[in-house]
Amino acid sequence: MTALRTILAKNLKAYRSEMGFSQAKLAELVGTAPNYIAMIEVRKRFPSDAMLEKIATALQREPCELFSMGSSPRKQLQEALLVEFAEFLALKLKGSLEEPCNTPCNTVATKGVFDG
């Protein structure tokens, strides 16, 4: 088996799962039989360039992403957004902890406790 078949098989299965597609659903979208998709995923078949384009389109990917060995651009963007969101939340939480709480329960609960 070639490295290309292995990479394609791994990425096809991962992207298909990410989209929530069964092999049958992907096959329906690209106009082929479910066992053909299965054969690609177990490295027994290699699709034509036209079929690769249909598969990539159905998976909302660029054809080259089917052969990518690293994180996909979409995955990298998702990870970057999660990091940015986590930093934003941390700053908001830190800011809210530093601001005094002026609710009646807070002023009543601490009245006289911190007074000289």
Protein backbone atom coordinates (compact mmCIF):
# COMPACT_ATOMS: atom_id res chain seq x y z
CA MET A 1 0.00 0.00 0.00
CA THR A 2 1.24 3.45 -0.80
CA ALA A 3 1.50 6.28 1.68
CA LEU A 4 -1.02 8.26 -0.38
CA ARG A 5 -3.66 5.57 0.03
CA THR A 6 -3.03 5.46 3.77
CA ILE A 7 -3.26 9.22 4.16
CA LEU A 8 -6.38 9.41 1.98
CA ALA A 9 -8.05 6.57 3.90
CA LYS A 10 -7.35 8.20 7.28
CA ASN A 11 -8.47 11.66 6.19
CA LEU A 12 -11.55 10.43 4.35
CA LYS A 13 -12.78 8.56 7.38
CA ALA A 14 -12.00 11.47 9.74
CA TYR A 15 -13.63 14.13 7.55
CA ARG A 16 -16.63 11.91 6.86
CA SER A 17 -17.11 11.33 10.58
CA GLU A 18 -16.65 15.04 11.30
CA MET A 19 -19.49 15.80 8.88
CA GLY A 20 -21.65 13.12 10.48
CA PHE A 21 -21.87 11.13 7.26
CA SER A 22 -22.11 7.37 7.07
CA GLN A 23 -20.34 5.66 4.19
CA ALA A 24 -23.76 5.23 2.60
CA LYS A 25 -24.59 8.93 2.90
CA LEU A 26 -21.26 10.01 1.41
CA ALA A 27 -21.68 7.48 -1.39
CA GLU A 28 -25.13 8.87 -2.14
CA LEU A 29 -23.78 12.42 -2.27
CA VAL A 30 -20.99 11.55 -4.69
CA GLY A 31 -22.93 9.06 -6.83
CA THR A 32 -21.21 5.81 -5.99
CA ALA A 33 -21.81 2.65 -3.98
CA PRO A 34 -21.23 2.56 -0.21
CA ASN A 35 -18.83 -0.36 -0.58
CA TYR A 36 -16.65 1.81 -2.85
CA ILE A 37 -16.25 4.37 -0.05
CA ALA A 38 -15.47 1.50 2.33
CA MET A 39 -12.84 0.16 -0.07
CA ILE A 40 -11.15 3.56 -0.21
CA GLU A 41 -11.14 3.73 3.60
CA VAL A 42 -9.44 0.32 3.86
CA ARG A 43 -6.94 1.23 1.10
CA LYS A 44 -8.20 -1.34 -1.40
CA ARG A 45 -9.29 1.24 -4.00
CA PHE A 46 -7.99 4.61 -5.11
CA PRO A 47 -10.50 7.09 -6.59
CA SER A 48 -10.14 8.91 -9.89
CA ASP A 49 -9.41 12.62 -9.90
CA ALA A 50 -13.07 13.31 -10.74
CA MET A 51 -14.24 11.17 -7.79
CA LEU A 52 -11.71 12.88 -5.48
CA GLU A 53 -13.21 16.23 -6.43
CA LYS A 54 -16.75 14.96 -5.76
CA ILE A 55 -15.70 13.55 -2.38
CA ALA A 56 -13.90 16.76 -1.40
CA THR A 57 -16.93 18.84 -2.38
CA ALA A 58 -19.30 16.62 -0.41
CA LEU A 59 -17.01 16.89 2.63
CA GLN A 60 -16.72 20.67 2.16
CA ARG A 61 -12.96 20.39 1.70
CA GLU A 62 -10.37 21.25 -0.87
CA PRO A 63 -9.13 18.14 -2.70
CA CYS A 64 -5.60 18.69 -1.39
CA GLU A 65 -6.93 18.44 2.20
CA LEU A 66 -7.71 14.79 1.54
CA PHE A 67 -3.94 14.23 1.34
CA SER A 68 -2.85 16.51 4.16
CA MET A 69 -0.67 14.89 6.82
CA GLY A 70 -1.12 17.65 9.39
CA SER A 71 -4.02 19.53 10.87
CA SER A 72 -6.44 20.84 8.31
CA PRO A 73 -6.73 24.62 7.92
CA ARG A 74 -10.27 24.36 9.34
CA LYS A 75 -8.99 22.48 12.40
CA GLN A 76 -6.19 25.02 12.89
CA LEU A 77 -8.72 27.86 12.74
CA GLN A 78 -10.99 26.09 15.24
CA GLU A 79 -8.08 25.57 17.63
CA ALA A 80 -6.99 29.21 17.29
CA LEU A 81 -10.53 30.43 17.96
CA LEU A 82 -10.82 28.20 21.03
CA VAL A 83 -7.56 29.57 22.44
CA GLU A 84 -8.67 33.13 21.77
CA PHE A 85 -12.07 32.48 23.38
CA ALA A 86 -10.44 30.89 26.44
CA GLU A 87 -8.17 33.94 26.85
CA PHE A 88 -11.16 36.26 26.51
CA LEU A 89 -13.10 34.32 29.16
CA ALA A 90 -10.12 34.31 31.50
CA LEU A 91 -9.83 38.10 31.22
CA LYS A 92 -13.56 38.58 31.75
CA LEU A 93 -13.56 36.30 34.79
CA LYS A 94 -10.51 38.01 36.23
CA GLY A 95 -12.14 41.39 35.71
CA SER A 96 -15.40 40.29 37.35
CA LEU A 97 -13.51 38.92 40.36
CA GLU A 98 -11.67 42.20 40.82
CA GLU A 99 -14.82 44.32 40.67
CA PRO A 100 -16.58 44.75 44.01
CA CYS A 101 -19.92 43.08 44.39
CA ASN A 102 -22.52 45.54 45.67
CA THR A 103 -25.40 43.15 46.04
CA PRO A 104 -27.35 43.40 49.30
CA CYS A 105 -26.31 39.89 50.35
CA ASN A 106 -22.65 40.81 50.02
CA THR A 107 -22.88 44.04 52.02
CA VAL A 108 -24.97 42.41 54.75
CA ALA A 109 -22.75 39.34 55.01
CA THR A 110 -19.57 41.36 55.45
CA LYS A 111 -20.96 44.25 57.51
CA GLY A 112 -18.90 44.55 60.64
CA VAL A 113 -16.57 41.68 59.72
CA PHE A 114 -13.97 43.86 58.02
CA ASP A 115 -14.60 47.05 60.03
CA GLY A 116 -11.56 47.76 62.30
